[in-house]
Amino acid sequence: MGETAYWVYVTAADEVEARAIGRALVEERLAACVNLLPGHRSIYRWQGEVREEAEAAFVAKTTAARFAALSARIRDLHSYETPAILALPAVAGDAAFLDWLRRETTEPG
């Protein structure tokens, strides 16, 4: 199967922020593709208080080798003090899709 592909789930303050981060990740080859998932409501505990907020989420498709750089870039661009960035390894996938993902996240050069 080659290098492990990651499905990275991230929440953002709104669709505008999710789109801006997603576009940067793809343009910089940190992700092969980003799926925007607007219209979420999150219930969470922050600084000792239970909160509920509207958010957007996105899924970035990347590789294990690019995850550290992707995560750092998300933190650079994100408005949250502690953004939710969760990588889930793909245990299987279509070979042609995984080859494409690896090609698109390889730095040119």
PDB file of N, CA and C in Angstrom:
ATOM      1  N   MET A   1       0.827  -1.192   0.000  1.00  0.00           N
ATOM      2  CA  MET A   1       0.000   0.000   0.000  1.00  0.00           C
ATOM      3  C   MET A   1       0.869   1.254   0.000  1.00  0.00           C
ATOM      4  N   GLY A   2       2.117   1.182   0.391  1.00  0.00           N
ATOM      5  CA  GLY A   2       2.966   2.363   0.422  1.00  0.00           C
ATOM      6  C   GLY A   2       2.760   3.163   1.689  1.00  0.00           C
ATOM      7  N   GLU A   3       3.130   4.431   1.603  1.00  0.00           N
ATOM      8  CA  GLU A   3       3.010   5.321   2.761  1.00  0.00           C
ATOM      9  C   GLU A   3       1.556   5.468   3.204  1.00  0.00           C
ATOM     10  N   THR A   4       1.343   5.540   4.512  1.00  0.00           N
ATOM     11  CA  THR A   4       0.001   5.642   5.073  1.00  0.00           C
ATOM     12  C   THR A   4      -0.658   6.960   4.693  1.00  0.00           C
ATOM     13  N   ALA A   5      -1.902   6.871   4.235  1.00  0.00           N
ATOM     14  CA  ALA A   5      -2.714   8.048   3.965  1.00  0.00           C
ATOM     15  C   ALA A   5      -3.450   8.419   5.244  1.00  0.00           C
ATOM     16  N   TYR A   6      -3.622   9.709   5.461  1.00  0.00           N
ATOM     17  CA  TYR A   6      -4.337  10.208   6.629  1.00  0.00           C
ATOM     18  C   TYR A   6      -5.573  10.983   6.181  1.00  0.00           C
ATOM     19  N   TRP A   7      -6.627  10.823   6.950  1.00  0.00           N
ATOM     20  CA  TRP A   7      -7.873  11.578   6.841  1.00  0.00           C
ATOM     21  C   TRP A   7      -7.843  12.491   8.055  1.00  0.00           C
ATOM     22  N   VAL A   8      -7.654  13.783   7.858  1.00  0.00           N
ATOM     23  CA  VAL A   8      -7.452  14.721   8.967  1.00  0.00           C
ATOM     24  C   VAL A   8      -8.705  15.580   9.141  1.00  0.00           C
ATOM     25  N   TYR A   9      -9.354  15.409  10.288  1.00  0.00           N
ATOM     26  CA  TYR A   9     -10.571  16.150  10.621  1.00  0.00           C
ATOM     27  C   TYR A   9     -10.185  17.408  11.396  1.00  0.00           C
ATOM     28  N   VAL A  10     -10.731  18.552  10.973  1.00  0.00           N
ATOM     29  CA  VAL A  10     -10.401  19.835  11.595  1.00  0.00           C
ATOM     30  C   VAL A  10     -11.686  20.657  11.704  1.00  0.00           C
ATOM     31  N   THR A  11     -11.863  21.354  12.833  1.00  0.00           N
ATOM     32  CA  THR A  11     -12.963  22.310  12.949  1.00  0.00           C
ATOM     33  C   THR A  11     -12.419  23.722  12.794  1.00  0.00           C
ATOM     34  N   ALA A  12     -13.284  24.607  12.325  1.00  0.00           N
ATOM     35  CA  ALA A  12     -12.914  26.013  12.129  1.00  0.00           C
ATOM     36  C   ALA A  12     -14.060  26.891  12.610  1.00  0.00           C
ATOM     37  N   ALA A  13     -13.777  28.163  12.795  1.00  0.00           N
ATOM     38  CA  ALA A  13     -14.771  29.100  13.316  1.00  0.00           C
ATOM     39  C   ALA A  13     -15.975  29.235  12.390  1.00  0.00           C
ATOM     40  N   ASP A  14     -15.729  29.174  11.077  1.00  0.00           N
ATOM     41  CA  ASP A  14     -16.822  29.313  10.114  1.00  0.00           C
ATOM     42  C   ASP A  14     -16.356  28.803   8.757  1.00  0.00           C
ATOM     43  N   GLU A  15     -17.264  28.827   7.780  1.00  0.00           N
ATOM     44  CA  GLU A  15     -16.939  28.312   6.458  1.00  0.00           C
ATOM     45  C   GLU A  15     -15.840  29.122   5.774  1.00  0.00           C
ATOM     46  N   VAL A  16     -15.814  30.417   6.006  1.00  0.00           N
ATOM     47  CA  VAL A  16     -14.790  31.275   5.390  1.00  0.00           C
ATOM     48  C   VAL A  16     -13.397  30.840   5.861  1.00  0.00           C
ATOM     49  N   GLU A  17     -13.240  30.626   7.172  1.00  0.00           N
ATOM     50  CA  GLU A  17     -11.948  30.192   7.690  1.00  0.00           C
ATOM     51  C   GLU A  17     -11.599  28.792   7.184  1.00  0.00           C
ATOM     52  N   ALA A  18     -12.565  27.883   7.193  1.00  0.00           N
ATOM     53  CA  ALA A  18     -12.315  26.517   6.714  1.00  0.00           C
ATOM     54  C   ALA A  18     -11.866  26.534   5.252  1.00  0.00           C
ATOM     55  N   ARG A  19     -12.530  27.342   4.430  1.00  0.00           N
ATOM     56  CA  ARG A  19     -12.174  27.424   3.018  1.00  0.00           C
ATOM     57  C   ARG A  19     -10.777  28.010   2.834  1.00  0.00           C
ATOM     58  N   ALA A  20     -10.444  29.051   3.576  1.00  0.00           N
ATOM     59  CA  ALA A  20      -9.116  29.678   3.443  1.00  0.00           C
ATOM     60  C   ALA A  20      -8.012  28.708   3.852  1.00  0.00           C
ATOM     61  N   ILE A  21      -8.204  28.024   4.952  1.00  0.00           N
ATOM     62  CA  ILE A  21      -7.198  27.054   5.395  1.00  0.00           C
ATOM     63  C   ILE A  21      -7.105  25.908   4.396  1.00  0.00           C
ATOM     64  N   GLY A  22      -8.247  25.383   3.979  1.00  0.00           N
ATOM     65  CA  GLY A  22      -8.255  24.273   3.027  1.00  0.00           C
ATOM     66  C   GLY A  22      -7.558  24.611   1.729  1.00  0.00           C
ATOM     67  N   ARG A  23      -7.840  25.793   1.200  1.00  0.00           N
ATOM     68  CA  ARG A  23      -7.194  26.210  -0.045  1.00  0.00           C
ATOM     69  C   ARG A  23      -5.676  26.306   0.129  1.00  0.00           C
ATOM     70  N   ALA A  24      -5.227  26.876   1.233  1.00  0.00           N
ATOM     71  CA  ALA A  24      -3.785  26.981   1.484  1.00  0.00           C
ATOM     72  C   ALA A  24      -3.145  25.599   1.563  1.00  0.00           C
ATOM     73  N   LEU A  25      -3.805  24.666   2.228  1.00  0.00           N
ATOM     74  CA  LEU A  25      -3.242  23.317   2.367  1.00  0.00           C
ATOM     75  C   LEU A  25      -3.068  22.635   1.018  1.00  0.00           C
ATOM     76  N   VAL A  26      -4.056  22.796   0.125  1.00  0.00           N
ATOM     77  CA  VAL A  26      -3.964  22.178  -1.198  1.00  0.00           C
ATOM     78  C   VAL A  26      -2.935  22.922  -2.051  1.00  0.00           C
ATOM     79  N   GLU A  27      -2.976  24.256  -2.044  1.00  0.00           N
ATOM     80  CA  GLU A  27      -2.015  25.023  -2.843  1.00  0.00           C
ATOM     81  C   GLU A  27      -0.578  24.728  -2.436  1.00  0.00           C
ATOM     82  N   GLU A  28      -0.352  24.486  -1.142  1.00  0.00           N
ATOM     83  CA  GLU A  28       0.999  24.225  -0.642  1.00  0.00           C
ATOM     84  C   GLU A  28       1.358  22.737  -0.645  1.00  0.00           C
ATOM     85  N   ARG A  29       0.507  21.910  -1.227  1.00  0.00           N
ATOM     86  CA  ARG A  29       0.713  20.459  -1.354  1.00  0.00           C
ATOM     87  C   ARG A  29       0.813  19.743  -0.011  1.00  0.00           C
ATOM     88  N   LEU A  30       0.217  20.325   1.008  1.00  0.00           N
ATOM     89  CA  LEU A  30       0.160  19.657   2.306  1.00  0.00           C
ATOM     90  C   LEU A  30      -1.018  18.695   2.358  1.00  0.00           C
ATOM     91  N   ALA A  31      -2.005  18.920   1.510  1.00  0.00           N
ATOM     92  CA  ALA A  31      -3.151  18.024   1.358  1.00  0.00           C
ATOM     93  C   ALA A  31      -3.447  17.885  -0.128  1.00  0.00           C
ATOM     94  N   ALA A  32      -3.889  16.703  -0.525  1.00  0.00           N
ATOM     95  CA  ALA A  32      -4.267  16.488  -1.921  1.00  0.00           C
ATOM     96  C   ALA A  32      -5.662  17.042  -2.189  1.00  0.00           C
ATOM     97  N   CYS A  33      -6.495  17.028  -1.163  1.00  0.00           N
ATOM     98  CA  CYS A  33      -7.884  17.444  -1.289  1.00  0.00           C
ATOM     99  C   CYS A  33      -8.394  17.839   0.084  1.00  0.00           C
ATOM    100  N   VAL A  34      -9.298  18.811   0.121  1.00  0.00           N
ATOM    101  CA  VAL A  34      -9.966  19.202   1.363  1.00  0.00           C
ATOM    102  C   VAL A  34     -11.462  19.244   1.085  1.00  0.00           C
ATOM    103  N   ASN A  35     -12.228  18.541   1.897  1.00  0.00           N
ATOM    104  CA  ASN A  35     -13.691  18.564   1.811  1.00  0.00           C
ATOM    105  C   ASN A  35     -14.229  19.480   2.895  1.00  0.00           C
ATOM    106  N   LEU A  36     -14.999  20.494   2.502  1.00  0.00           N
ATOM    107  CA  LEU A  36     -15.601  21.421   3.452  1.00  0.00           C
ATOM    108  C   LEU A  36     -16.923  20.853   3.954  1.00  0.00           C
ATOM    109  N   LEU A  37     -17.131  20.928   5.268  1.00  0.00           N
ATOM    110  CA  LEU A  37     -18.332  20.405   5.915  1.00  0.00           C
ATOM    111  C   LEU A  37     -18.936  21.519   6.762  1.00  0.00           C
ATOM    112  N   PRO A  38     -19.573  22.515   6.132  1.00  0.00           N
ATOM    113  CA  PRO A  38     -20.096  23.663   6.888  1.00  0.00           C
ATOM    114  C   PRO A  38     -21.347  23.290   7.689  1.00  0.00           C
ATOM    115  N   GLY A  39     -21.730  24.205   8.575  1.00  0.00           N
ATOM    116  CA  GLY A  39     -22.998  24.065   9.260  1.00  0.00           C
ATOM    117  C   GLY A  39     -23.004  23.126  10.446  1.00  0.00           C
ATOM    118  N   HIS A  40     -21.923  23.012  11.151  1.00  0.00           N
ATOM    119  CA  HIS A  40     -21.850  22.160  12.331  1.00  0.00           C
ATOM    120  C   HIS A  40     -22.180  22.951  13.593  1.00  0.00           C
ATOM    121  N   ARG A  41     -22.646  22.264  14.596  1.00  0.00           N
ATOM    122  CA  ARG A  41     -22.759  22.822  15.946  1.00  0.00           C
ATOM    123  C   ARG A  41     -21.877  21.971  16.825  1.00  0.00           C
ATOM    124  N   SER A  42     -21.059  22.600  17.615  1.00  0.00           N
ATOM    125  CA  SER A  42     -20.165  21.883  18.520  1.00  0.00           C
ATOM    126  C   SER A  42     -20.538  22.196  19.962  1.00  0.00           C
ATOM    127  N   ILE A  43     -20.557  21.164  20.778  1.00  0.00           N
ATOM    128  CA  ILE A  43     -20.749  21.294  22.218  1.00  0.00           C
ATOM    129  C   ILE A  43     -19.459  20.803  22.849  1.00  0.00           C
ATOM    130  N   TYR A  44     -18.841  21.632  23.661  1.00  0.00           N
ATOM    131  CA  TYR A  44     -17.521  21.303  24.189  1.00  0.00           C
ATOM    132  C   TYR A  44     -17.292  22.020  25.515  1.00  0.00           C
ATOM    133  N   ARG A  45     -16.298  21.541  26.220  1.00  0.00           N
ATOM    134  CA  ARG A  45     -15.899  22.197  27.459  1.00  0.00           C
ATOM    135  C   ARG A  45     -14.630  23.000  27.178  1.00  0.00           C
ATOM    136  N   TRP A  46     -14.642  24.279  27.554  1.00  0.00           N
ATOM    137  CA  TRP A  46     -13.479  25.150  27.371  1.00  0.00           C
ATOM    138  C   TRP A  46     -13.373  26.065  28.575  1.00  0.00           C
ATOM    139  N   GLN A  47     -12.209  26.064  29.200  1.00  0.00           N
ATOM    140  CA  GLN A  47     -11.910  26.896  30.355  1.00  0.00           C
ATOM    141  C   GLN A  47     -12.980  26.732  31.447  1.00  0.00           C
ATOM    142  N   GLY A  48     -13.336  25.448  31.702  1.00  0.00           N
ATOM    143  CA  GLY A  48     -14.242  25.105  32.785  1.00  0.00           C
ATOM    144  C   GLY A  48     -15.715  25.340  32.507  1.00  0.00           C
ATOM    145  N   GLU A  49     -16.056  25.672  31.278  1.00  0.00           N
ATOM    146  CA  GLU A  49     -17.440  26.002  30.950  1.00  0.00           C
ATOM    147  C   GLU A  49     -17.892  25.180  29.738  1.00  0.00           C
ATOM    148  N   VAL A  50     -19.122  24.658  29.789  1.00  0.00           N
ATOM    149  CA  VAL A  50     -19.681  23.967  28.630  1.00  0.00           C
ATOM    150  C   VAL A  50     -20.230  25.024  27.682  1.00  0.00           C
ATOM    151  N   ARG A  51     -19.817  24.930  26.424  1.00  0.00           N
ATOM    152  CA  ARG A  51     -20.209  25.913  25.412  1.00  0.00           C
ATOM    153  C   ARG A  51     -20.838  25.207  24.212  1.00  0.00           C
ATOM    154  N   GLU A  52     -21.592  25.949  23.461  1.00  0.00           N
ATOM    155  CA  GLU A  52     -22.160  25.456  22.197  1.00  0.00           C
ATOM    156  C   GLU A  52     -22.009  26.567  21.170  1.00  0.00           C
ATOM    157  N   GLU A  53     -21.410  26.234  20.033  1.00  0.00           N
ATOM    158  CA  GLU A  53     -21.112  27.232  19.009  1.00  0.00           C
ATOM    159  C   GLU A  53     -21.358  26.658  17.618  1.00  0.00           C
ATOM    160  N   ALA A  54     -21.660  27.532  16.682  1.00  0.00           N
ATOM    161  CA  ALA A  54     -21.680  27.162  15.267  1.00  0.00           C
ATOM    162  C   ALA A  54     -20.235  27.075  14.791  1.00  0.00           C
ATOM    163  N   GLU A  55     -19.934  26.082  13.989  1.00  0.00           N
ATOM    164  CA  GLU A  55     -18.600  25.917  13.420  1.00  0.00           C
ATOM    165  C   GLU A  55     -18.731  25.345  12.008  1.00  0.00           C
ATOM    166  N   ALA A  56     -17.626  25.287  11.332  1.00  0.00           N
ATOM    167  CA  ALA A  56     -17.492  24.533  10.091  1.00  0.00           C
ATOM    168  C   ALA A  56     -16.399  23.510  10.350  1.00  0.00           C
ATOM    169  N   ALA A  57     -16.427  22.449   9.605  1.00  0.00           N
ATOM    170  CA  ALA A  57     -15.367  21.446   9.715  1.00  0.00           C
ATOM    171  C   ALA A  57     -14.851  21.149   8.313  1.00  0.00           C
ATOM    172  N   PHE A  58     -13.680  20.561   8.266  1.00  0.00           N
ATOM    173  CA  PHE A  58     -13.177  20.089   6.984  1.00  0.00           C
ATOM    174  C   PHE A  58     -12.335  18.847   7.189  1.00  0.00           C
ATOM    175  N   VAL A  59     -12.199  18.095   6.106  1.00  0.00           N
ATOM    176  CA  VAL A  59     -11.387  16.888   6.094  1.00  0.00           C
ATOM    177  C   VAL A  59     -10.294  17.096   5.059  1.00  0.00           C
ATOM    178  N   ALA A  60      -9.050  16.980   5.496  1.00  0.00           N
ATOM    179  CA  ALA A  60      -7.900  17.103   4.602  1.00  0.00           C
ATOM    180  C   ALA A  60      -7.323  15.709   4.376  1.00  0.00           C
ATOM    181  N   LYS A  61      -7.064  15.379   3.133  1.00  0.00           N
ATOM    182  CA  LYS A  61      -6.482  14.081   2.792  1.00  0.00           C
ATOM    183  C   LYS A  61      -5.003  14.289   2.517  1.00  0.00           C
ATOM    184  N   THR A  62      -4.166  13.613   3.309  1.00  0.00           N
ATOM    185  CA  THR A  62      -2.722  13.806   3.221  1.00  0.00           C
ATOM    186  C   THR A  62      -2.012  12.489   3.497  1.00  0.00           C
ATOM    187  N   THR A  63      -0.713  12.559   3.685  1.00  0.00           N
ATOM    188  CA  THR A  63       0.086  11.378   4.010  1.00  0.00           C
ATOM    189  C   THR A  63       0.721  11.548   5.392  1.00  0.00           C
ATOM    190  N   ALA A  64       1.159  10.435   5.945  1.00  0.00           N
ATOM    191  CA  ALA A  64       1.822  10.479   7.247  1.00  0.00           C
ATOM    192  C   ALA A  64       3.033  11.402   7.201  1.00  0.00           C
ATOM    193  N   ALA A  65       3.771  11.382   6.109  1.00  0.00           N
ATOM    194  CA  ALA A  65       4.981  12.200   5.988  1.00  0.00           C
ATOM    195  C   ALA A  65       4.670  13.696   5.983  1.00  0.00           C
ATOM    196  N   ARG A  66       3.479  14.094   5.522  1.00  0.00           N
ATOM    197  CA  ARG A  66       3.128  15.514   5.418  1.00  0.00           C
ATOM    198  C   ARG A  66       2.322  16.005   6.620  1.00  0.00           C
ATOM    199  N   PHE A  67       1.938  15.083   7.534  1.00  0.00           N
ATOM    200  CA  PHE A  67       1.043  15.470   8.619  1.00  0.00           C
ATOM    201  C   PHE A  67       1.636  16.548   9.530  1.00  0.00           C
ATOM    202  N   ALA A  68       2.873  16.437   9.942  1.00  0.00           N
ATOM    203  CA  ALA A  68       3.458  17.425  10.860  1.00  0.00           C
ATOM    204  C   ALA A  68       3.437  18.818  10.233  1.00  0.00           C
ATOM    205  N   ALA A  69       3.797  18.927   8.966  1.00  0.00           N
ATOM    206  CA  ALA A  69       3.793  20.220   8.283  1.00  0.00           C
ATOM    207  C   ALA A  69       2.364  20.731   8.104  1.00  0.00           C
ATOM    208  N   LEU A  70       1.433  19.839   7.769  1.00  0.00           N
ATOM    209  CA  LEU A  70       0.031  20.212   7.636  1.00  0.00           C
ATOM    210  C   LEU A  70      -0.517  20.737   8.953  1.00  0.00           C
ATOM    211  N   SER A  71      -0.250  20.046  10.019  1.00  0.00           N
ATOM    212  CA  SER A  71      -0.726  20.447  11.343  1.00  0.00           C
ATOM    213  C   SER A  71      -0.156  21.814  11.740  1.00  0.00           C
ATOM    214  N   ALA A  72       1.125  22.007  11.507  1.00  0.00           N
ATOM    215  CA  ALA A  72       1.757  23.291  11.834  1.00  0.00           C
ATOM    216  C   ALA A  72       1.152  24.427  11.009  1.00  0.00           C
ATOM    217  N   ARG A  73       0.878  24.162   9.745  1.00  0.00           N
ATOM    218  CA  ARG A  73       0.306  25.203   8.880  1.00  0.00           C
ATOM    219  C   ARG A  73      -1.115  25.547   9.317  1.00  0.00           C
ATOM    220  N   ILE A  74      -1.894  24.533   9.693  1.00  0.00           N
ATOM    221  CA  ILE A  74      -3.238  24.797  10.203  1.00  0.00           C
ATOM    222  C   ILE A  74      -3.157  25.694  11.436  1.00  0.00           C
ATOM    223  N   ARG A  75      -2.251  25.375  12.361  1.00  0.00           N
ATOM    224  CA  ARG A  75      -2.106  26.201  13.565  1.00  0.00           C
ATOM    225  C   ARG A  75      -1.712  27.632  13.211  1.00  0.00           C
ATOM    226  N   ASP A  76      -0.861  27.814  12.204  1.00  0.00           N
ATOM    227  CA  ASP A  76      -0.455  29.154  11.766  1.00  0.00           C
ATOM    228  C   ASP A  76      -1.638  29.969  11.242  1.00  0.00           C
ATOM    229  N   LEU A  77      -2.549  29.321  10.532  1.00  0.00           N
ATOM    230  CA  LEU A  77      -3.643  30.012   9.856  1.00  0.00           C
ATOM    231  C   LEU A  77      -4.929  30.096  10.681  1.00  0.00           C
ATOM    232  N   HIS A  78      -5.014  29.326  11.736  1.00  0.00           N
ATOM    233  CA  HIS A  78      -6.261  29.145  12.485  1.00  0.00           C
ATOM    234  C   HIS A  78      -6.486  30.253  13.508  1.00  0.00           C
ATOM    235  N   SER A  79      -7.761  30.586  13.740  1.00  0.00           N
ATOM    236  CA  SER A  79      -8.099  31.615  14.724  1.00  0.00           C
ATOM    237  C   SER A  79      -8.184  31.065  16.149  1.00  0.00           C
ATOM    238  N   TYR A  80      -8.287  29.757  16.296  1.00  0.00           N
ATOM    239  CA  TYR A  80      -8.435  29.174  17.632  1.00  0.00           C
ATOM    240  C   TYR A  80      -7.089  29.034  18.335  1.00  0.00           C
ATOM    241  N   GLU A  81      -7.108  29.183  19.643  1.00  0.00           N
ATOM    242  CA  GLU A  81      -5.916  28.947  20.458  1.00  0.00           C
ATOM    243  C   GLU A  81      -5.493  27.480  20.371  1.00  0.00           C
ATOM    244  N   THR A  82      -6.464  26.580  20.394  1.00  0.00           N
ATOM    245  CA  THR A  82      -6.207  25.140  20.322  1.00  0.00           C
ATOM    246  C   THR A  82      -7.115  24.527  19.264  1.00  0.00           C
ATOM    247  N   PRO A  83      -6.724  24.559  17.996  1.00  0.00           N
ATOM    248  CA  PRO A  83      -7.592  23.987  16.966  1.00  0.00           C
ATOM    249  C   PRO A  83      -7.677  22.464  17.078  1.00  0.00           C
ATOM    250  N   ALA A  84      -8.850  21.940  16.747  1.00  0.00           N
ATOM    251  CA  ALA A  84      -9.034  20.488  16.703  1.00  0.00           C
ATOM    252  C   ALA A  84      -8.419  19.978  15.407  1.00  0.00           C
ATOM    253  N   ILE A  85      -7.388  19.171  15.536  1.00  0.00           N
ATOM    254  CA  ILE A  85      -6.714  18.568  14.378  1.00  0.00           C
ATOM    255  C   ILE A  85      -6.545  17.094  14.727  1.00  0.00           C
ATOM    256  N   LEU A  86      -7.276  16.230  14.044  1.00  0.00           N
ATOM    257  CA  LEU A  86      -7.268  14.807  14.380  1.00  0.00           C
ATOM    258  C   LEU A  86      -7.002  13.987  13.131  1.00  0.00           C
ATOM    259  N   ALA A  87      -5.890  13.267  13.112  1.00  0.00           N
ATOM    260  CA  ALA A  87      -5.521  12.442  11.963  1.00  0.00           C
ATOM    261  C   ALA A  87      -5.947  10.996  12.197  1.00  0.00           C
ATOM    262  N   LEU A  88      -6.645  10.464  11.221  1.00  0.00           N
ATOM    263  CA  LEU A  88      -7.076   9.074  11.251  1.00  0.00           C
ATOM    264  C   LEU A  88      -6.405   8.351  10.093  1.00  0.00           C
ATOM    265  N   PRO A  89      -5.638   7.290  10.349  1.00  0.00           N
ATOM    266  CA  PRO A  89      -4.973   6.583   9.259  1.00  0.00           C
ATOM    267  C   PRO A  89      -5.966   5.787   8.428  1.00  0.00           C
ATOM    268  N   ALA A  90      -5.754   5.785   7.144  1.00  0.00           N
ATOM    269  CA  ALA A  90      -6.566   4.958   6.247  1.00  0.00           C
ATOM    270  C   ALA A  90      -6.027   3.536   6.304  1.00  0.00           C
ATOM    271  N   VAL A  91      -6.863   2.595   6.619  1.00  0.00           N
ATOM    272  CA  VAL A  91      -6.419   1.198   6.698  1.00  0.00           C
ATOM    273  C   VAL A  91      -6.471   0.523   5.339  1.00  0.00           C
ATOM    274  N   ALA A  92      -7.234   1.085   4.419  1.00  0.00           N
ATOM    275  CA  ALA A  92      -7.317   0.557   3.058  1.00  0.00           C
ATOM    276  C   ALA A  92      -7.889   1.652   2.174  1.00  0.00           C
ATOM    277  N   GLY A  93      -7.725   1.489   0.878  1.00  0.00           N
ATOM    278  CA  GLY A  93      -8.272   2.459  -0.061  1.00  0.00           C
ATOM    279  C   GLY A  93      -8.004   2.022  -1.482  1.00  0.00           C
ATOM    280  N   ASP A  94      -8.675   2.656  -2.402  1.00  0.00           N
ATOM    281  CA  ASP A  94      -8.477   2.378  -3.814  1.00  0.00           C
ATOM    282  C   ASP A  94      -7.040   2.737  -4.199  1.00  0.00           C
ATOM    283  N   ALA A  95      -6.363   1.824  -4.836  1.00  0.00           N
ATOM    284  CA  ALA A  95      -4.943   2.018  -5.154  1.00  0.00           C
ATOM    285  C   ALA A  95      -4.709   3.259  -6.018  1.00  0.00           C
ATOM    286  N   ALA A  96      -5.547   3.479  -7.011  1.00  0.00           N
ATOM    287  CA  ALA A  96      -5.369   4.640  -7.890  1.00  0.00           C
ATOM    288  C   ALA A  96      -5.563   5.941  -7.110  1.00  0.00           C
ATOM    289  N   PHE A  97      -6.558   5.988  -6.228  1.00  0.00           N
ATOM    290  CA  PHE A  97      -6.781   7.176  -5.415  1.00  0.00           C
ATOM    291  C   PHE A  97      -5.590   7.426  -4.502  1.00  0.00           C
ATOM    292  N   LEU A  98      -5.090   6.379  -3.845  1.00  0.00           N
ATOM    293  CA  LEU A  98      -3.959   6.545  -2.929  1.00  0.00           C
ATOM    294  C   LEU A  98      -2.703   6.983  -3.670  1.00  0.00           C
ATOM    295  N   ASP A  99      -2.495   6.476  -4.876  1.00  0.00           N
ATOM    296  CA  ASP A  99      -1.357   6.932  -5.691  1.00  0.00           C
ATOM    297  C   ASP A  99      -1.491   8.415  -6.010  1.00  0.00           C
ATOM    298  N   TRP A 100      -2.707   8.842  -6.386  1.00  0.00           N
ATOM    299  CA  TRP A 100      -2.952  10.252  -6.673  1.00  0.00           C
ATOM    300  C   TRP A 100      -2.684  11.108  -5.442  1.00  0.00           C
ATOM    301  N   LEU A 101      -3.175  10.678  -4.300  1.00  0.00           N
ATOM    302  CA  LEU A 101      -2.979  11.414  -3.036  1.00  0.00           C
ATOM    303  C   LEU A 101      -1.496  11.599  -2.760  1.00  0.00           C
ATOM    304  N   ARG A 102      -0.721  10.558  -2.916  1.00  0.00           N
ATOM    305  CA  ARG A 102       0.728  10.645  -2.664  1.00  0.00           C
ATOM    306  C   ARG A 102       1.404  11.583  -3.659  1.00  0.00           C
ATOM    307  N   ARG A 103       1.006  11.510  -4.923  1.00  0.00           N
ATOM    308  CA  ARG A 103       1.603  12.410  -5.941  1.00  0.00           C
ATOM    309  C   ARG A 103       1.294  13.875  -5.620  1.00  0.00           C
ATOM    310  N   GLU A 104       0.063  14.156  -5.233  1.00  0.00           N
ATOM    311  CA  GLU A 104      -0.366  15.526  -5.010  1.00  0.00           C
ATOM    312  C   GLU A 104       0.200  16.133  -3.726  1.00  0.00           C
ATOM    313  N   THR A 105       0.710  15.305  -2.831  1.00  0.00           N
ATOM    314  CA  THR A 105       1.297  15.821  -1.592  1.00  0.00           C
ATOM    315  C   THR A 105       2.817  15.723  -1.587  1.00  0.00           C
ATOM    316  N   THR A 106       3.374  15.443  -2.747  1.00  0.00           N
ATOM    317  CA  THR A 106       4.829  15.409  -2.879  1.00  0.00           C
ATOM    318  C   THR A 106       5.303  16.784  -3.322  1.00  0.00           C
ATOM    319  N   GLU A 107       6.270  17.304  -2.618  1.00  0.00           N
ATOM    320  CA  GLU A 107       6.800  18.617  -2.971  1.00  0.00           C
ATOM    321  C   GLU A 107       7.494  18.531  -4.324  1.00  0.00           C
ATOM    322  N   PRO A 108       7.210  19.462  -5.234  1.00  0.00           N
ATOM    323  CA  PRO A 108       7.878  19.438  -6.528  1.00  0.00           C
ATOM    324  C   PRO A 108       9.372  19.671  -6.364  1.00  0.00           C
ATOM    325  N   GLY A 109      10.102  19.095  -7.261  1.00  0.00           N
ATOM    326  CA  GLY A 109      11.513  19.365  -7.164  1.00  0.00           C
ATOM    327  C   GLY A 109      12.312  18.226  -7.555  1.00  0.00           C
TER     328      GLY A 109
END
